[in-house]
């Protein structure tokens, strides 16, 4: 299945297939016949840095099954975060094929990519990326609200599951780091995604809080049958994975959770600020609003649409949030 303009269609549909293969504009695609939710085939990505090209991904193949937890490790700058950004439709590969929930992202418009992210992909970031002017409840419900599927009852159920119902009316500034990351986990799960992509979810937490967040994240994705891909330096996170992949020089190498955990335990500690990935972190705006980072990179990948003045999704001083507060995200179509 591929994206064409502003509608879903299958390859057969593009060739003039029967009505059974056509889907109304904007409707979610049907489930794939197998349990693969993320599929990367021959994916390559390069960035220009000074006078040279940096190979972030080199002919990468990856299949992630429903309900599977995949840990991704590697040195800083090895391509781990780029892998997540490409898999999540936040960045476009130079070559290769990316399929999420049965949809080939290659032909998708920015609007359709945003819709796919809202409905099929949950994101958890190291620095939480909560919208500061929204309450806990509004942050968790944001993917549903932006998709026109506001569901207060579902949001409250998720808040119960993460133990934050009592903090529903608080702003992020009134929460601890662990509570903010629990809000981020709840937001990632709010729309019932097929896959959650987590980039160093415990990297800004102490070890005890990190363990709590990891338990919550893995328990929730297991119970929902959601796939989880987690980029991490944390041996505790690796220990919870079904399989581990090491990114080295832009290529993926199979690893073993037990041996990888032992290796990481000897060189790093769980919790506390970790070395960054291979670029600046994306924001909630990147994940939920129509953005295109493909031409915004400067080698450090910190120049992204969707943040700051004039960026898509998060204009400074914008109004029109669920609560009408100024200085918060106005949302996106």
Protein backbone atom coordinates (compact mmCIF):
# COMPACT_ATOMS: atom_id res chain seq x y z
CA UNK A 1 0.00 0.00 0.00
CA UNK A 2 1.30 3.43 -0.90
CA UNK A 3 0.34 7.05 -0.30
CA UNK A 4 -0.92 9.02 -3.24
CA UNK A 5 -1.70 12.67 -2.67
CA UNK A 6 -4.16 13.02 0.19
CA UNK A 7 -5.67 9.54 0.12
CA UNK A 8 -4.80 5.96 0.91
CA UNK A 9 -4.49 3.54 -1.98
CA UNK A 10 -3.00 0.18 -2.71
CA UNK A 11 -0.65 -0.58 -5.58
CA UNK A 12 -3.51 -2.41 -7.28
CA UNK A 13 -5.71 0.66 -6.85
CA UNK A 14 -3.12 2.81 -8.63
CA UNK A 15 -3.21 0.33 -11.52
CA UNK A 16 -7.00 0.56 -11.62
CA UNK A 17 -7.87 -2.33 -9.33
CA UNK A 18 -11.29 -3.22 -8.04
CA UNK A 19 -13.39 -1.30 -5.53
CA UNK A 20 -12.41 -3.65 -2.70
CA UNK A 21 -8.89 -2.22 -2.81
CA UNK A 22 -9.97 1.40 -2.61
CA UNK A 23 -10.24 3.27 0.67
CA UNK A 24 -11.93 6.57 1.26
CA UNK A 25 -9.70 9.60 1.67
CA UNK A 26 -8.14 9.86 5.11
CA UNK A 27 -9.34 6.49 6.39
CA UNK A 28 -6.80 4.20 8.07
CA UNK A 29 -5.42 1.38 5.94
CA UNK A 30 -6.55 -2.18 6.64
CA UNK A 31 -4.19 -4.34 8.72
CA UNK A 32 -1.40 -6.18 6.96
CA UNK A 33 -1.85 -9.90 6.43
CA UNK A 34 1.27 -10.56 8.54
CA UNK A 35 2.30 -9.02 11.85
CA UNK A 36 4.97 -6.66 10.50
CA UNK A 37 4.30 -3.07 11.55
CA UNK A 38 7.58 -1.41 10.51
CA UNK A 39 9.57 -2.45 7.47
CA UNK A 40 12.73 -0.78 6.17
CA UNK A 41 14.30 -2.18 3.00
CA UNK A 42 17.63 -0.96 1.67
CA UNK A 43 17.29 2.38 3.47
CA UNK A 44 20.20 4.81 3.15
CA UNK A 45 20.60 8.35 4.47
CA UNK A 46 23.51 10.79 4.16
CA UNK A 47 24.06 14.25 5.59
CA UNK A 48 26.35 16.99 4.39
CA UNK A 49 28.81 18.10 7.06
CA UNK A 50 31.26 20.70 5.90
CA UNK A 51 32.91 19.45 2.73
CA UNK A 52 32.11 15.79 3.29
CA UNK A 53 29.12 13.46 3.36
CA UNK A 54 28.30 11.60 6.57
CA UNK A 55 26.67 8.20 6.11
CA UNK A 56 23.98 7.87 8.78
CA UNK A 57 22.27 4.78 7.36
CA UNK A 58 23.76 2.43 4.79
CA UNK A 59 21.37 0.01 3.03
CA UNK A 60 19.55 -0.83 6.26
CA UNK A 61 16.95 -3.61 6.43
CA UNK A 62 14.64 -3.82 9.45
CA UNK A 63 11.41 -5.65 10.22
CA UNK A 64 9.56 -5.07 13.49
CA UNK A 65 6.65 -7.31 14.42
CA UNK A 66 3.56 -6.43 16.38
CA UNK A 67 4.16 -6.81 20.13
CA UNK A 68 7.94 -7.02 19.73
CA UNK A 69 10.40 -4.94 21.77
CA UNK A 70 13.57 -4.08 19.86
CA UNK A 71 16.53 -2.37 21.53
CA UNK A 72 18.89 -0.28 19.40
CA UNK A 73 22.35 0.56 20.70
CA UNK A 74 25.51 2.09 19.29
CA UNK A 75 27.99 4.88 19.75
CA UNK A 76 26.82 8.48 19.54
CA UNK A 77 26.63 9.52 15.92
CA UNK A 78 26.31 5.95 14.66
CA UNK A 79 22.86 6.48 13.11
CA UNK A 80 20.51 5.33 15.89
CA UNK A 81 18.34 8.42 16.03
CA UNK A 82 18.32 8.73 12.25
CA UNK A 83 16.93 5.20 12.14
CA UNK A 84 14.02 6.23 14.38
CA UNK A 85 13.41 9.47 12.50
CA UNK A 86 13.20 7.67 9.16
CA UNK A 87 11.07 4.84 10.56
CA UNK A 88 8.71 7.40 12.09
CA UNK A 89 8.29 9.50 8.96
CA UNK A 90 10.12 12.46 10.53
CA UNK A 91 12.83 12.31 7.89
CA UNK A 92 12.94 10.92 4.38
CA UNK A 93 15.61 8.44 3.27
CA UNK A 94 17.80 9.12 0.26
CA UNK A 95 16.99 5.65 -1.03
CA UNK A 96 15.17 2.51 0.05
CA UNK A 97 11.65 1.76 1.19
CA UNK A 98 9.89 2.56 4.48
CA UNK A 99 6.55 0.90 5.22
CA UNK A 100 4.60 1.61 8.44
CA UNK A 101 1.32 -0.14 9.22
CA UNK A 102 1.21 -1.37 5.64
CA UNK A 103 1.69 2.09 4.10
CA UNK A 104 4.70 2.94 1.93
CA UNK A 105 5.73 6.41 3.10
CA UNK A 106 7.55 7.34 -0.10
CA UNK A 107 4.64 9.03 -1.85
CA UNK A 108 2.99 10.56 1.20
CA UNK A 109 2.43 14.29 1.44
CA UNK A 110 3.42 16.13 4.62
CA UNK A 111 -0.21 16.19 5.72
CA UNK A 112 -0.59 12.46 5.19
CA UNK A 113 2.68 11.72 7.00
CA UNK A 114 1.38 13.70 9.97
CA UNK A 115 -1.84 11.69 9.89
CA UNK A 116 0.08 8.42 9.81
CA UNK A 117 2.19 9.51 12.78
CA UNK A 118 -0.85 10.54 14.79
CA UNK A 119 -2.71 7.29 14.15
CA UNK A 120 -0.04 4.63 13.90
CA UNK A 121 3.16 5.83 15.64
CA UNK A 122 3.78 6.89 19.22
CA UNK A 123 6.91 8.86 20.14
CA UNK A 124 8.76 9.09 23.46
CA UNK A 125 11.71 11.49 23.67
CA UNK A 126 14.55 11.87 26.15
CA UNK A 127 13.57 15.42 27.11
CA UNK A 128 9.82 14.68 27.29
CA UNK A 129 8.78 17.32 24.70
CA UNK A 130 5.53 18.16 26.46
CA UNK A 131 3.68 21.30 25.43
CA UNK A 132 4.35 23.60 28.41
CA UNK A 133 1.08 25.53 28.27
CA UNK A 134 -1.14 22.44 28.21
CA UNK A 135 -2.23 20.41 31.21
CA UNK A 136 -1.33 16.77 31.66
CA UNK A 137 -4.73 15.72 30.32
CA UNK A 138 -4.43 18.01 27.29
CA UNK A 139 -0.91 16.81 26.49
CA UNK A 140 -1.99 13.17 26.59
CA UNK A 141 -5.04 13.85 24.44
CA UNK A 142 -3.19 16.00 21.90
CA UNK A 143 -2.70 13.31 19.20
CA UNK A 144 -6.40 12.45 19.35
CA UNK A 145 -7.50 16.10 19.35
CA UNK A 146 -5.34 17.02 16.37
CA UNK A 147 -6.72 14.01 14.50
CA UNK A 148 -10.32 15.03 15.18
CA UNK A 149 -10.87 12.07 17.52
CA UNK A 150 -10.96 13.72 20.94
CA UNK A 151 -11.82 11.07 23.55
CA UNK A 152 -11.70 12.37 27.15
CA UNK A 153 -12.77 9.02 28.58
CA UNK A 154 -9.89 7.22 26.86
CA UNK A 155 -7.43 9.85 28.04
CA UNK A 156 -8.61 9.41 31.63
CA UNK A 157 -8.25 5.62 31.35
CA UNK A 158 -4.66 6.02 30.16
CA UNK A 159 -3.92 8.47 32.95
CA UNK A 160 -5.21 5.86 35.40
CA UNK A 161 -2.91 3.27 33.84
CA UNK A 162 0.16 5.48 34.27
CA UNK A 163 -0.87 6.62 37.75
CA UNK A 164 -1.36 10.29 36.91
CA UNK A 165 -5.12 10.83 37.14
CA UNK A 166 -4.62 13.02 40.22
CA UNK A 167 -2.20 15.25 38.27
CA UNK A 168 -4.48 15.62 35.21
CA UNK A 169 -4.93 19.39 35.64
CA UNK A 170 -1.31 20.20 36.36
CA UNK A 171 1.07 21.83 33.93
CA UNK A 172 4.37 20.13 33.02
CA UNK A 173 6.27 22.68 35.11
CA UNK A 174 4.48 21.32 38.18
CA UNK A 175 5.67 17.74 37.62
CA UNK A 176 8.82 15.80 38.43
CA UNK A 177 11.00 14.38 35.65
CA UNK A 178 9.58 10.91 36.15
CA UNK A 179 6.02 12.22 36.03
CA UNK A 180 6.73 14.15 32.84
CA UNK A 181 8.09 11.03 31.17
CA UNK A 182 5.02 9.08 32.27
CA UNK A 183 2.90 11.77 30.60
CA UNK A 184 5.01 11.33 27.47
CA UNK A 185 4.44 7.56 27.56
CA UNK A 186 0.70 8.09 27.99
CA UNK A 187 0.65 10.51 25.05
CA UNK A 188 2.53 8.01 22.89
CA UNK A 189 -0.11 5.37 23.63
CA UNK A 190 -3.18 7.61 23.46
CA UNK A 191 -4.08 6.94 19.84
CA UNK A 192 -3.53 3.17 20.09
CA UNK A 193 -0.49 3.15 17.78
CA UNK A 194 0.95 0.14 15.99
CA UNK A 195 4.46 1.03 17.13
CA UNK A 196 6.11 3.25 19.74
CA UNK A 197 9.49 4.76 18.88
CA UNK A 198 11.45 5.78 21.98
CA UNK A 199 14.69 7.76 21.76
CA UNK A 200 16.67 7.53 25.04
CA UNK A 201 13.49 7.51 27.16
CA UNK A 202 15.48 7.11 30.41
CA UNK A 203 18.48 9.24 29.48
CA UNK A 204 17.35 12.22 31.57
CA UNK A 205 16.20 10.24 34.62
CA UNK A 206 17.86 8.83 37.72
CA UNK A 207 18.17 5.05 37.88
CA UNK A 208 15.18 4.42 40.17
CA UNK A 209 12.85 6.63 38.13
CA UNK A 210 14.24 5.15 34.92
CA UNK A 211 13.32 1.64 36.10
CA UNK A 212 9.78 2.77 36.88
CA UNK A 213 9.35 4.38 33.46
CA UNK A 214 10.79 1.32 31.70
CA UNK A 215 8.43 -1.00 33.55
CA UNK A 216 5.51 1.22 32.65
CA UNK A 217 6.48 1.52 29.00
CA UNK A 218 7.16 -2.17 28.44
CA UNK A 219 4.08 -3.28 30.40
CA UNK A 220 1.82 -0.97 28.42
CA UNK A 221 3.13 -1.96 25.00
CA UNK A 222 3.01 -5.67 25.93
CA UNK A 223 -0.59 -5.43 27.10
CA UNK A 224 -1.65 -3.52 24.00
CA UNK A 225 0.28 -5.73 21.58
CA UNK A 226 2.14 -2.63 20.36
CA UNK A 227 5.65 -2.86 18.93
CA UNK A 228 8.38 -0.86 20.66
CA UNK A 229 11.69 0.27 19.20
CA UNK A 230 13.90 1.89 21.83
CA UNK A 231 17.22 3.63 21.20
CA UNK A 232 19.18 3.53 24.43
CA UNK A 233 22.46 3.46 26.30
CA UNK A 234 20.67 2.05 29.34
CA UNK A 235 21.45 -1.64 30.08
CA UNK A 236 18.15 -1.90 31.98
CA UNK A 237 16.26 -0.99 28.81
CA UNK A 238 18.27 -3.46 26.73
CA UNK A 239 17.51 -6.22 29.25
CA UNK A 240 13.78 -5.81 28.56
CA UNK A 241 14.15 -6.19 24.78
CA UNK A 242 13.27 -9.29 22.79
CA UNK A 243 16.21 -8.61 20.50
CA UNK A 244 18.96 -6.03 20.21
CA UNK A 245 20.43 -4.32 17.17
CA UNK A 246 23.74 -2.48 17.15
CA UNK A 247 24.20 0.41 14.73
CA UNK A 248 27.77 0.64 13.51
CA UNK A 249 28.88 2.84 10.61
CA UNK A 250 25.29 3.17 9.46
CA UNK A 251 24.63 -0.57 9.35
CA UNK A 252 22.56 -2.81 11.62
CA UNK A 253 24.11 -5.80 13.37
CA UNK A 254 22.21 -8.41 15.35
CA UNK A 255 23.04 -8.63 19.02
CA UNK A 256 22.01 -10.56 22.10
CA UNK A 257 20.14 -8.78 24.94
CA UNK A 258 22.07 -10.58 27.67
CA UNK A 259 25.57 -9.96 26.31
CA UNK A 260 24.71 -6.40 25.26
CA UNK A 261 23.33 -5.65 28.72
CA UNK A 262 26.53 -6.93 30.30
CA UNK A 263 28.66 -4.85 27.97
CA UNK A 264 26.68 -1.66 28.59
CA UNK A 265 26.70 -2.26 32.33
CA UNK A 266 30.47 -2.24 32.27
CA UNK A 267 30.72 1.08 30.42
CA UNK A 268 27.71 3.13 31.49
CA UNK A 269 25.14 3.40 34.23
CA UNK A 270 21.38 3.41 34.01
CA UNK A 271 19.78 6.79 34.40
CA UNK A 272 21.39 10.20 34.37
CA UNK A 273 22.06 12.23 31.25
CA UNK A 274 23.43 10.00 28.52
CA UNK A 275 25.39 10.81 25.43
CA UNK A 276 23.14 12.16 22.75
CA UNK A 277 22.15 10.31 19.61
CA UNK A 278 23.23 11.48 16.21
CA UNK A 279 21.46 14.82 16.18
CA UNK A 280 19.15 17.22 17.95
CA UNK A 281 15.97 15.64 19.26
CA UNK A 282 12.74 16.04 17.34
CA UNK A 283 9.87 17.72 19.12
CA UNK A 284 6.22 16.88 19.68
CA UNK A 285 5.51 19.25 16.79
CA UNK A 286 7.71 17.21 14.48
CA UNK A 287 5.88 14.05 15.48
CA UNK A 288 2.32 15.31 15.22
CA UNK A 289 2.32 18.22 12.78
CA UNK A 290 3.08 18.31 9.05
CA UNK A 291 6.85 18.78 8.90
CA UNK A 292 9.58 17.96 6.46
CA UNK A 293 13.06 17.66 7.90
CA UNK A 294 14.63 16.29 4.75
CA UNK A 295 16.06 19.66 3.71
CA UNK A 296 16.52 21.15 7.16
CA UNK A 297 19.59 19.27 8.28
CA UNK A 298 22.93 20.95 8.79
CA UNK A 299 24.95 17.93 9.87
CA UNK A 300 23.80 18.18 13.48
CA UNK A 301 20.13 17.81 12.51
CA UNK A 302 19.14 20.57 14.89
CA UNK A 303 17.49 22.83 12.32
CA UNK A 304 13.95 21.46 12.16
CA UNK A 305 10.68 22.83 10.96
CA UNK A 306 8.00 22.63 13.60
CA UNK A 307 9.83 24.49 16.34
CA UNK A 308 10.31 28.17 16.98
CA UNK A 309 9.05 31.19 15.13
CA UNK A 310 7.39 30.37 11.84
CA UNK A 311 7.86 26.63 12.18
CA UNK A 312 5.04 24.29 11.27
CA UNK A 313 2.97 23.37 14.29
CA UNK A 314 4.64 25.43 17.01
CA UNK A 315 4.60 29.12 16.11
CA UNK A 316 5.84 31.26 18.96
CA UNK A 317 3.03 33.03 20.76
CA UNK A 318 0.36 31.01 18.99
CA UNK A 319 -3.08 30.65 20.44
CA UNK A 320 -5.97 28.32 19.72
CA UNK A 321 -5.02 25.47 22.00
CA UNK A 322 -7.74 23.41 23.70
CA UNK A 323 -7.60 25.85 26.61
CA UNK A 324 -7.02 28.95 24.51
CA UNK A 325 -3.78 29.82 26.31
CA UNK A 326 -1.22 31.89 24.47
CA UNK A 327 2.32 30.72 23.92
CA UNK A 328 1.30 27.10 23.38
CA UNK A 329 0.90 24.89 20.37
CA UNK A 330 -1.91 25.91 18.08
CA UNK A 331 -1.98 22.48 16.50
CA UNK A 332 -2.04 21.61 12.82
CA UNK A 333 -4.56 20.50 10.25
